[in-house]
Amino acid sequence: MAVPRVIYEAKPGSPLEIDRARYARLAGETAGRALVERFTVPRRSGRAWPVRAGQLFRIVAVEGPQVADLNVWSLANPRERFWASRTRQLHQAHLTAFDRLWSCLPYLRPMLTITADTIQYGRDEDGGGCHDLLGTRCDPYVHKLLNGEDFDLCCHSNLVRAVAPFHLTELDVHDVLNVFQVTGLTPEGRYFVKPSPARTGDFIEFFAEIDVLCAISVCPHGDLSVPVWGPDAGDPLATCRPLGVEIWEPAADLLAGWAQPRPSDYAGGHGFLSKAASSPHESL
């Protein structure tokens, strides 16, 4: 049997090799920060907000364990949005400090860099990890499929409502980073979840590499300790809690030498060749 091989290995000097010292300073040197905004997102709801390039924001467990689903778009161009599957391939299935959230094609640049993660979950005995990219948001369509019921209390629906004031629609909502959510794969390859390990005061912090619009759903399934599908399904309302969001402006000296990443400079040929540049053997 062949030995597993990590497929997306970068050459030295790629954007995957970030300046860890810089981002550690952004996370650690908080005395010079200025608070831009702080708000609470009620349980079973969603909210969207802009973050400017060079700012930081936190998602905070303000009352105990609770899962959130995070979407991200370029503020100037919502066609550029977070690409969960490529981020998973470039980094790992569960994100933590110094991992980045990458945008979709044809842009393919870091949108956010994680600067701090107080959970520090690592890998458990079942191979589970926290801050999940294996799965995606819960939605009313899968509820209808599995339970045969119309159920509007889903992360997809929360995100649809959250982005409506920014003139985005259901078609703009995309695969998410499941914040504070522990997941993995069974030996048979089935997706599993465990209760969120977040405790009051825990947070994950992001640095905005470009101007972004962020949106979270405070998951209507709460901390995932109550099954929502299957024979033991119940209403997890008692395990649902609000989440806090904080936006910060770091001290200016911490941004010295930093520049916003540019979109991919791939020329965009895609193999389309002009007649003059075509192979001399094509007519044979």
C-alpha atoms as a PDB file:
ATOM      1  CA  MET A   1       0.000   0.000   0.000  1.00  0.00           C
ATOM      2  CA  ALA A   2       1.331   3.414  -0.967  1.00  0.00           C
ATOM      3  CA  VAL A   3       2.439   5.815   1.751  1.00  0.00           C
ATOM      4  CA  PRO A   4       0.124   8.870   2.070  1.00  0.00           C
ATOM      5  CA  ARG A   5       1.583  11.991   0.502  1.00  0.00           C
ATOM      6  CA  VAL A   6       0.618  15.579   1.252  1.00  0.00           C
ATOM      7  CA  ILE A   7      -0.282  16.831  -2.207  1.00  0.00           C
ATOM      8  CA  TYR A   8      -0.128  20.629  -1.906  1.00  0.00           C
ATOM      9  CA  GLU A   9       3.503  21.164  -0.914  1.00  0.00           C
ATOM     10  CA  ALA A  10       4.810  24.672  -1.540  1.00  0.00           C
ATOM     11  CA  LYS A  11       8.244  25.712  -2.703  1.00  0.00           C
ATOM     12  CA  PRO A  12      10.279  27.796  -0.218  1.00  0.00           C
ATOM     13  CA  GLY A  13       9.161  31.409  -0.009  1.00  0.00           C
ATOM     14  CA  SER A  14       5.496  30.839  -0.854  1.00  0.00           C
ATOM     15  CA  PRO A  15       2.724  32.820   0.895  1.00  0.00           C
ATOM     16  CA  LEU A  16       2.099  29.740   3.064  1.00  0.00           C
ATOM     17  CA  GLU A  17       5.331  30.578   4.905  1.00  0.00           C
ATOM     18  CA  ILE A  18       4.073  33.600   6.787  1.00  0.00           C
ATOM     19  CA  ASP A  19       6.103  35.869   9.036  1.00  0.00           C
ATOM     20  CA  ARG A  20       5.059  34.211  12.283  1.00  0.00           C
ATOM     21  CA  ALA A  21       6.893  36.754  14.400  1.00  0.00           C
ATOM     22  CA  ARG A  22       4.848  39.581  12.868  1.00  0.00           C
ATOM     23  CA  TYR A  23       1.520  37.864  13.506  1.00  0.00           C
ATOM     24  CA  ALA A  24       2.575  36.832  16.994  1.00  0.00           C
ATOM     25  CA  ARG A  25       3.286  40.497  17.756  1.00  0.00           C
ATOM     26  CA  LEU A  26      -0.113  41.494  16.380  1.00  0.00           C
ATOM     27  CA  ALA A  27      -1.706  38.961  18.695  1.00  0.00           C
ATOM     28  CA  GLY A  28       0.423  39.622  21.741  1.00  0.00           C
ATOM     29  CA  GLU A  29       1.004  43.384  21.797  1.00  0.00           C
ATOM     30  CA  THR A  30      -2.543  44.457  22.636  1.00  0.00           C
ATOM     31  CA  ALA A  31      -1.844  47.495  24.824  1.00  0.00           C
ATOM     32  CA  GLY A  32      -1.697  49.847  21.843  1.00  0.00           C
ATOM     33  CA  ARG A  33      -4.874  48.595  20.211  1.00  0.00           C
ATOM     34  CA  ALA A  34      -7.933  50.786  19.743  1.00  0.00           C
ATOM     35  CA  LEU A  35     -11.384  49.242  19.957  1.00  0.00           C
ATOM     36  CA  VAL A  36     -13.343  49.967  16.757  1.00  0.00           C
ATOM     37  CA  GLU A  37     -16.569  48.170  17.631  1.00  0.00           C
ATOM     38  CA  ARG A  38     -17.914  45.511  19.963  1.00  0.00           C
ATOM     39  CA  PHE A  39     -21.292  43.820  19.693  1.00  0.00           C
ATOM     40  CA  THR A  40     -23.149  40.652  20.652  1.00  0.00           C
ATOM     41  CA  VAL A  41     -24.911  38.403  18.165  1.00  0.00           C
ATOM     42  CA  PRO A  42     -27.946  36.822  19.872  1.00  0.00           C
ATOM     43  CA  ARG A  43     -28.425  33.086  19.889  1.00  0.00           C
ATOM     44  CA  ARG A  44     -29.955  31.550  16.769  1.00  0.00           C
ATOM     45  CA  SER A  45     -29.284  34.692  14.731  1.00  0.00           C
ATOM     46  CA  GLY A  46     -26.675  36.098  12.374  1.00  0.00           C
ATOM     47  CA  ARG A  47     -24.909  39.350  11.618  1.00  0.00           C
ATOM     48  CA  ALA A  48     -22.572  40.733   8.966  1.00  0.00           C
ATOM     49  CA  TRP A  49     -19.968  43.473   9.409  1.00  0.00           C
ATOM     50  CA  PRO A  50     -17.051  45.011   7.475  1.00  0.00           C
ATOM     51  CA  VAL A  51     -13.427  44.798   8.591  1.00  0.00           C
ATOM     52  CA  ARG A  52     -10.790  46.989   6.991  1.00  0.00           C
ATOM     53  CA  ALA A  53      -7.398  45.723   5.855  1.00  0.00           C
ATOM     54  CA  GLY A  54      -4.959  45.883   8.742  1.00  0.00           C
ATOM     55  CA  GLN A  55      -7.627  45.507  11.436  1.00  0.00           C
ATOM     56  CA  LEU A  56      -8.237  42.486  13.649  1.00  0.00           C
ATOM     57  CA  PHE A  57     -11.458  40.939  14.847  1.00  0.00           C
ATOM     58  CA  ARG A  58     -12.363  38.316  17.400  1.00  0.00           C
ATOM     59  CA  ILE A  59     -15.259  35.908  17.745  1.00  0.00           C
ATOM     60  CA  VAL A  60     -15.767  35.462  21.478  1.00  0.00           C
ATOM     61  CA  ALA A  61     -17.630  32.854  23.517  1.00  0.00           C
ATOM     62  CA  VAL A  62     -19.332  35.292  25.890  1.00  0.00           C
ATOM     63  CA  GLU A  63     -21.525  32.837  27.817  1.00  0.00           C
ATOM     64  CA  GLY A  64     -20.000  29.412  27.250  1.00  0.00           C
ATOM     65  CA  PRO A  65     -19.780  26.820  24.470  1.00  0.00           C
ATOM     66  CA  GLN A  66     -21.383  27.763  21.164  1.00  0.00           C
ATOM     67  CA  VAL A  67     -20.637  27.071  17.498  1.00  0.00           C
ATOM     68  CA  ALA A  68     -20.504  29.787  14.812  1.00  0.00           C
ATOM     69  CA  ASP A  69     -20.444  29.533  11.021  1.00  0.00           C
ATOM     70  CA  LEU A  70     -18.216  32.151   9.350  1.00  0.00           C
ATOM     71  CA  ASN A  71     -18.497  33.478   5.774  1.00  0.00           C
ATOM     72  CA  VAL A  72     -16.099  36.050   4.248  1.00  0.00           C
ATOM     73  CA  TRP A  73     -16.194  38.154   1.066  1.00  0.00           C
ATOM     74  CA  SER A  74     -14.017  40.876  -0.401  1.00  0.00           C
ATOM     75  CA  LEU A  75     -15.766  44.086   0.629  1.00  0.00           C
ATOM     76  CA  ALA A  76     -15.185  45.639  -2.794  1.00  0.00           C
ATOM     77  CA  ASN A  77     -16.013  42.560  -4.857  1.00  0.00           C
ATOM     78  CA  PRO A  78     -18.256  39.857  -3.358  1.00  0.00           C
ATOM     79  CA  ARG A  79     -17.414  37.502  -6.229  1.00  0.00           C
ATOM     80  CA  GLU A  80     -14.139  37.069  -4.362  1.00  0.00           C
ATOM     81  CA  ARG A  81     -15.054  34.997  -1.326  1.00  0.00           C
ATOM     82  CA  PHE A  82     -13.635  32.509   1.131  1.00  0.00           C
ATOM     83  CA  TRP A  83     -12.779  29.135  -0.420  1.00  0.00           C
ATOM     84  CA  ALA A  84     -13.128  26.535   2.328  1.00  0.00           C
ATOM     85  CA  SER A  85     -12.014  23.476   0.377  1.00  0.00           C
ATOM     86  CA  ARG A  86      -8.805  25.024  -0.973  1.00  0.00           C
ATOM     87  CA  THR A  87      -7.999  26.434   2.464  1.00  0.00           C
ATOM     88  CA  ARG A  88      -8.401  22.909   3.837  1.00  0.00           C
ATOM     89  CA  GLN A  89      -5.979  21.580   1.228  1.00  0.00           C
ATOM     90  CA  LEU A  90      -3.397  24.327   1.706  1.00  0.00           C
ATOM     91  CA  HIS A  91      -3.428  24.134   5.504  1.00  0.00           C
ATOM     92  CA  GLN A  92      -5.432  21.462   7.284  1.00  0.00           C
ATOM     93  CA  ALA A  93      -8.978  20.324   8.029  1.00  0.00           C
ATOM     94  CA  HIS A  94      -9.077  22.263  11.308  1.00  0.00           C
ATOM     95  CA  LEU A  95      -7.548  25.720  11.499  1.00  0.00           C
ATOM     96  CA  THR A  96      -5.620  27.471  14.235  1.00  0.00           C
ATOM     97  CA  ALA A  97      -3.135  30.314  14.715  1.00  0.00           C
ATOM     98  CA  PHE A  98      -0.999  31.165  11.648  1.00  0.00           C
ATOM     99  CA  ASP A  99      -3.367  29.465   9.205  1.00  0.00           C
ATOM    100  CA  ARG A 100      -5.003  31.641   6.541  1.00  0.00           C
ATOM    101  CA  LEU A 101      -8.413  31.831   4.913  1.00  0.00           C
ATOM    102  CA  TRP A 102      -7.954  31.896   1.118  1.00  0.00           C
ATOM    103  CA  SER A 103     -10.203  33.373  -1.540  1.00  0.00           C
ATOM    104  CA  CYS A 104     -11.683  31.620  -4.563  1.00  0.00           C
ATOM    105  CA  LEU A 105     -10.475  31.648  -8.154  1.00  0.00           C
ATOM    106  CA  PRO A 106      -9.312  33.620 -10.007  1.00  0.00           C
ATOM    107  CA  TYR A 107      -8.094  35.631  -7.017  1.00  0.00           C
ATOM    108  CA  LEU A 108      -6.525  33.012  -4.708  1.00  0.00           C
ATOM    109  CA  ARG A 109      -5.028  35.235  -2.047  1.00  0.00           C
ATOM    110  CA  PRO A 110      -5.171  35.262   1.753  1.00  0.00           C
ATOM    111  CA  MET A 111      -8.196  37.159   3.045  1.00  0.00           C
ATOM    112  CA  LEU A 112      -7.650  36.565   6.765  1.00  0.00           C
ATOM    113  CA  THR A 113      -4.819  35.213   8.885  1.00  0.00           C
ATOM    114  CA  ILE A 114      -5.586  33.638  12.256  1.00  0.00           C
ATOM    115  CA  THR A 115      -3.498  35.380  14.886  1.00  0.00           C
ATOM    116  CA  ALA A 116      -4.800  33.766  18.086  1.00  0.00           C
ATOM    117  CA  ASP A 117      -6.832  30.738  19.135  1.00  0.00           C
ATOM    118  CA  THR A 118      -7.441  30.178  22.837  1.00  0.00           C
ATOM    119  CA  ILE A 119      -9.009  26.746  22.309  1.00  0.00           C
ATOM    120  CA  GLN A 120      -5.731  25.044  21.343  1.00  0.00           C
ATOM    121  CA  TYR A 121      -7.606  21.768  20.835  1.00  0.00           C
ATOM    122  CA  GLY A 122      -5.086  19.852  18.764  1.00  0.00           C
ATOM    123  CA  ARG A 123      -6.189  16.300  17.902  1.00  0.00           C
ATOM    124  CA  ASP A 124      -8.211  14.119  20.252  1.00  0.00           C
ATOM    125  CA  GLU A 125      -8.298  10.332  20.622  1.00  0.00           C
ATOM    126  CA  ASP A 126     -10.816  10.041  17.781  1.00  0.00           C
ATOM    127  CA  GLY A 127      -8.838  12.233  15.412  1.00  0.00           C
ATOM    128  CA  GLY A 128     -11.181  15.174  15.956  1.00  0.00           C
ATOM    129  CA  GLY A 129     -10.095  18.788  15.765  1.00  0.00           C
ATOM    130  CA  CYS A 130     -11.605  22.226  16.356  1.00  0.00           C
ATOM    131  CA  HIS A 131     -12.490  25.089  13.948  1.00  0.00           C
ATOM    132  CA  ASP A 132     -13.762  22.796  11.228  1.00  0.00           C
ATOM    133  CA  LEU A 133     -13.411  22.894   7.440  1.00  0.00           C
ATOM    134  CA  LEU A 134     -14.585  19.314   6.856  1.00  0.00           C
ATOM    135  CA  GLY A 135     -18.267  20.147   6.924  1.00  0.00           C
ATOM    136  CA  THR A 136     -20.370  23.153   6.114  1.00  0.00           C
ATOM    137  CA  ARG A 137     -23.350  25.118   7.398  1.00  0.00           C
ATOM    138  CA  CYS A 138     -26.614  23.497   8.434  1.00  0.00           C
ATOM    139  CA  ASP A 139     -29.459  24.423   6.094  1.00  0.00           C
ATOM    140  CA  PRO A 140     -33.233  24.040   5.774  1.00  0.00           C
ATOM    141  CA  TYR A 141     -32.889  21.931   2.646  1.00  0.00           C
ATOM    142  CA  VAL A 142     -31.030  19.133   4.425  1.00  0.00           C
ATOM    143  CA  HIS A 143     -33.545  19.343   7.285  1.00  0.00           C
ATOM    144  CA  LYS A 144     -36.308  18.764   4.759  1.00  0.00           C
ATOM    145  CA  LEU A 145     -34.327  15.904   3.231  1.00  0.00           C
ATOM    146  CA  LEU A 146     -33.518  14.101   6.485  1.00  0.00           C
ATOM    147  CA  ASN A 147     -36.413  15.023   8.766  1.00  0.00           C
ATOM    148  CA  GLY A 148     -39.162  15.826   6.279  1.00  0.00           C
ATOM    149  CA  GLU A 149     -39.893  19.173   7.913  1.00  0.00           C
ATOM    150  CA  ASP A 150     -39.641  22.847   7.073  1.00  0.00           C
ATOM    151  CA  PHE A 151     -37.166  24.261   9.610  1.00  0.00           C
ATOM    152  CA  ASP A 152     -35.914  27.833   9.251  1.00  0.00           C
ATOM    153  CA  LEU A 153     -33.543  27.786  12.238  1.00  0.00           C
ATOM    154  CA  CYS A 154     -30.377  27.003  10.288  1.00  0.00           C
ATOM    155  CA  CYS A 155     -27.011  28.682   9.775  1.00  0.00           C
ATOM    156  CA  HIS A 156     -27.623  29.030   6.046  1.00  0.00           C
ATOM    157  CA  SER A 157     -30.835  30.961   6.715  1.00  0.00           C
ATOM    158  CA  ASN A 158     -29.148  33.103   9.389  1.00  0.00           C
ATOM    159  CA  LEU A 159     -26.409  34.025   6.910  1.00  0.00           C
ATOM    160  CA  VAL A 160     -28.935  34.783   4.159  1.00  0.00           C
ATOM    161  CA  ARG A 161     -30.668  37.278   6.461  1.00  0.00           C
ATOM    162  CA  ALA A 162     -27.378  38.692   7.757  1.00  0.00           C
ATOM    163  CA  VAL A 163     -26.012  39.667   4.346  1.00  0.00           C
ATOM    164  CA  ALA A 164     -29.264  41.036   2.910  1.00  0.00           C
ATOM    165  CA  PRO A 165     -28.515  44.605   4.138  1.00  0.00           C
ATOM    166  CA  PHE A 166     -25.279  44.440   2.120  1.00  0.00           C
ATOM    167  CA  HIS A 167     -27.228  43.605  -1.073  1.00  0.00           C
ATOM    168  CA  LEU A 168     -26.114  39.966  -1.103  1.00  0.00           C
ATOM    169  CA  THR A 169     -28.469  37.028  -1.526  1.00  0.00           C
ATOM    170  CA  GLU A 170     -28.722  33.322  -0.776  1.00  0.00           C
ATOM    171  CA  LEU A 171     -26.565  32.690  -3.859  1.00  0.00           C
ATOM    172  CA  ASP A 172     -23.682  34.535  -2.180  1.00  0.00           C
ATOM    173  CA  VAL A 173     -23.692  32.370   0.958  1.00  0.00           C
ATOM    174  CA  HIS A 174     -20.963  29.760   0.709  1.00  0.00           C
ATOM    175  CA  ASP A 175     -19.102  27.047   2.605  1.00  0.00           C
ATOM    176  CA  VAL A 176     -17.972  28.135   6.023  1.00  0.00           C
ATOM    177  CA  LEU A 177     -15.379  27.904   8.724  1.00  0.00           C
ATOM    178  CA  ASN A 178     -17.182  26.245  11.648  1.00  0.00           C
ATOM    179  CA  VAL A 179     -15.748  28.192  14.575  1.00  0.00           C
ATOM    180  CA  PHE A 180     -15.535  26.415  17.969  1.00  0.00           C
ATOM    181  CA  GLN A 181     -16.822  23.204  16.340  1.00  0.00           C
ATOM    182  CA  VAL A 182     -15.099  19.837  16.897  1.00  0.00           C
ATOM    183  CA  THR A 183     -15.392  17.371  14.032  1.00  0.00           C
ATOM    184  CA  GLY A 184     -13.636  14.459  12.405  1.00  0.00           C
ATOM    185  CA  LEU A 185     -14.128  11.330  10.343  1.00  0.00           C
ATOM    186  CA  THR A 186     -14.999   7.892  11.721  1.00  0.00           C
ATOM    187  CA  PRO A 187     -12.888   4.891  10.630  1.00  0.00           C
ATOM    188  CA  GLU A 188     -15.550   4.341   7.968  1.00  0.00           C
ATOM    189  CA  GLY A 189     -15.156   7.925   6.731  1.00  0.00           C
ATOM    190  CA  ARG A 190     -18.391   9.329   8.201  1.00  0.00           C
ATOM    191  CA  TYR A 191     -18.450  12.938   9.389  1.00  0.00           C
ATOM    192  CA  PHE A 192     -18.888  13.278  13.160  1.00  0.00           C
ATOM    193  CA  VAL A 193     -19.248  16.131  15.647  1.00  0.00           C
ATOM    194  CA  LYS A 194     -18.592  16.519  19.346  1.00  0.00           C
ATOM    195  CA  PRO A 195     -19.764  19.185  21.815  1.00  0.00           C
ATOM    196  CA  SER A 196     -17.950  22.498  21.510  1.00  0.00           C
ATOM    197  CA  PRO A 197     -15.012  22.878  23.934  1.00  0.00           C
ATOM    198  CA  ALA A 198     -15.327  26.686  24.096  1.00  0.00           C
ATOM    199  CA  ARG A 199     -15.649  28.252  27.519  1.00  0.00           C
ATOM    200  CA  THR A 200     -16.616  31.768  28.538  1.00  0.00           C
ATOM    201  CA  GLY A 201     -13.896  34.149  27.357  1.00  0.00           C
ATOM    202  CA  ASP A 202     -12.444  31.866  24.685  1.00  0.00           C
ATOM    203  CA  PHE A 203     -11.888  33.488  21.299  1.00  0.00           C
ATOM    204  CA  ILE A 204     -10.423  33.077  17.862  1.00  0.00           C
ATOM    205  CA  GLU A 205      -8.811  36.173  16.334  1.00  0.00           C
ATOM    206  CA  PHE A 206      -8.270  37.099  12.692  1.00  0.00           C
ATOM    207  CA  PHE A 207      -6.147  39.717  10.917  1.00  0.00           C
ATOM    208  CA  ALA A 208      -7.752  41.208   7.808  1.00  0.00           C
ATOM    209  CA  GLU A 209      -5.326  41.050   4.891  1.00  0.00           C
ATOM    210  CA  ILE A 210      -7.788  42.916   2.632  1.00  0.00           C
ATOM    211  CA  ASP A 211     -11.036  44.820   3.172  1.00  0.00           C
ATOM    212  CA  VAL A 212     -13.599  42.121   3.927  1.00  0.00           C
ATOM    213  CA  LEU A 213     -17.235  41.628   4.745  1.00  0.00           C
ATOM    214  CA  CYS A 214     -17.650  38.977   7.428  1.00  0.00           C
ATOM    215  CA  ALA A 215     -20.819  37.251   8.557  1.00  0.00           C
ATOM    216  CA  ILE A 216     -21.491  34.691  11.253  1.00  0.00           C
ATOM    217  CA  SER A 217     -24.417  32.539  12.173  1.00  0.00           C
ATOM    218  CA  VAL A 218     -24.692  31.740  15.859  1.00  0.00           C
ATOM    219  CA  CYS A 219     -25.634  28.144  15.165  1.00  0.00           C
ATOM    220  CA  PRO A 220     -29.217  27.214  16.116  1.00  0.00           C
ATOM    221  CA  HIS A 221     -27.808  23.810  17.091  1.00  0.00           C
ATOM    222  CA  GLY A 222     -25.971  25.472  19.971  1.00  0.00           C
ATOM    223  CA  ASP A 223     -22.917  23.679  21.287  1.00  0.00           C
ATOM    224  CA  LEU A 224     -23.767  20.474  19.332  1.00  0.00           C
ATOM    225  CA  SER A 225     -24.314  18.419  22.487  1.00  0.00           C
ATOM    226  CA  VAL A 226     -27.908  17.607  21.435  1.00  0.00           C
ATOM    227  CA  PRO A 227     -28.530  15.600  18.220  1.00  0.00           C
ATOM    228  CA  VAL A 228     -30.724  17.367  15.693  1.00  0.00           C
ATOM    229  CA  TRP A 229     -31.140  14.470  13.256  1.00  0.00           C
ATOM    230  CA  GLY A 230     -31.868  10.785  13.764  1.00  0.00           C
ATOM    231  CA  PRO A 231     -34.041   8.847  16.241  1.00  0.00           C
ATOM    232  CA  ASP A 232     -32.767  10.782  19.274  1.00  0.00           C
ATOM    233  CA  ALA A 233     -33.245  14.222  17.692  1.00  0.00           C
ATOM    234  CA  GLY A 234     -34.306  17.055  19.976  1.00  0.00           C
ATOM    235  CA  ASP A 235     -34.512  20.823  20.142  1.00  0.00           C
ATOM    236  CA  PRO A 236     -31.120  22.152  21.349  1.00  0.00           C
ATOM    237  CA  LEU A 237     -32.483  25.562  22.402  1.00  0.00           C
ATOM    238  CA  ALA A 238     -31.172  25.142  25.955  1.00  0.00           C
ATOM    239  CA  THR A 239     -27.634  24.726  24.609  1.00  0.00           C
ATOM    240  CA  CYS A 240     -27.767  27.851  22.398  1.00  0.00           C
ATOM    241  CA  ARG A 241     -25.807  30.903  23.538  1.00  0.00           C
ATOM    242  CA  PRO A 242     -24.858  34.294  22.060  1.00  0.00           C
ATOM    243  CA  LEU A 243     -21.430  35.164  20.699  1.00  0.00           C
ATOM    244  CA  GLY A 244     -19.450  38.382  20.841  1.00  0.00           C
ATOM    245  CA  VAL A 245     -17.536  40.128  18.064  1.00  0.00           C
ATOM    246  CA  GLU A 246     -14.765  42.647  18.653  1.00  0.00           C
ATOM    247  CA  ILE A 247     -13.010  44.707  15.970  1.00  0.00           C
ATOM    248  CA  TRP A 248      -9.635  46.243  16.815  1.00  0.00           C
ATOM    249  CA  GLU A 249      -7.179  48.658  15.199  1.00  0.00           C
ATOM    250  CA  PRO A 250      -3.612  47.594  16.047  1.00  0.00           C
ATOM    251  CA  ALA A 251      -0.832  50.004  16.853  1.00  0.00           C
ATOM    252  CA  ALA A 252       0.495  51.476  13.608  1.00  0.00           C
ATOM    253  CA  ASP A 253       4.071  50.330  14.207  1.00  0.00           C
ATOM    254  CA  LEU A 254       2.933  46.686  14.133  1.00  0.00           C
ATOM    255  CA  LEU A 255       1.955  47.129  10.473  1.00  0.00           C
ATOM    256  CA  ALA A 256       5.334  48.484   9.365  1.00  0.00           C
ATOM    257  CA  GLY A 257       6.441  46.560   6.282  1.00  0.00           C
ATOM    258  CA  TRP A 258       3.083  44.818   5.807  1.00  0.00           C
ATOM    259  CA  ALA A 259       1.222  45.184   2.505  1.00  0.00           C
ATOM    260  CA  GLN A 260      -2.104  43.860   1.299  1.00  0.00           C
ATOM    261  CA  PRO A 261      -1.690  40.699  -0.806  1.00  0.00           C
ATOM    262  CA  ARG A 262      -2.516  41.072  -4.461  1.00  0.00           C
ATOM    263  CA  PRO A 263      -4.702  38.620  -6.389  1.00  0.00           C
ATOM    264  CA  SER A 264      -2.985  35.770  -8.184  1.00  0.00           C
ATOM    265  CA  ASP A 265      -0.741  36.940 -11.024  1.00  0.00           C
ATOM    266  CA  TYR A 266      -1.432  33.850 -13.135  1.00  0.00           C
ATOM    267  CA  ALA A 267      -1.716  35.159 -16.702  1.00  0.00           C
ATOM    268  CA  GLY A 268      -5.078  33.485 -17.265  1.00  0.00           C
ATOM    269  CA  GLY A 269      -4.288  31.687 -20.522  1.00  0.00           C
ATOM    270  CA  HIS A 270      -6.026  28.412 -19.577  1.00  0.00           C
ATOM    271  CA  GLY A 271      -4.532  26.751 -22.636  1.00  0.00           C
ATOM    272  CA  PHE A 272      -6.306  28.959 -25.149  1.00  0.00           C
ATOM    273  CA  LEU A 273      -3.697  29.608 -27.829  1.00  0.00           C
ATOM    274  CA  SER A 274      -3.850  31.989 -30.743  1.00  0.00           C
ATOM    275  CA  LYS A 275      -3.540  30.472 -34.197  1.00  0.00           C
ATOM    276  CA  ALA A 276      -0.054  31.902 -34.548  1.00  0.00           C
ATOM    277  CA  ALA A 277       1.056  30.326 -31.299  1.00  0.00           C
ATOM    278  CA  SER A 278      -0.544  26.921 -31.908  1.00  0.00           C
ATOM    279  CA  SER A 279       1.533  23.774 -32.259  1.00  0.00           C
ATOM    280  CA  PRO A 280       2.890  23.098 -35.763  1.00  0.00           C
ATOM    281  CA  HIS A 281       1.707  19.477 -35.370  1.00  0.00           C
ATOM    282  CA  GLU A 282      -1.955  20.324 -34.776  1.00  0.00           C
ATOM    283  CA  SER A 283      -2.846  20.155 -38.470  1.00  0.00           C
ATOM    284  CA  LEU A 284      -1.200  16.771 -39.026  1.00  0.00           C
END
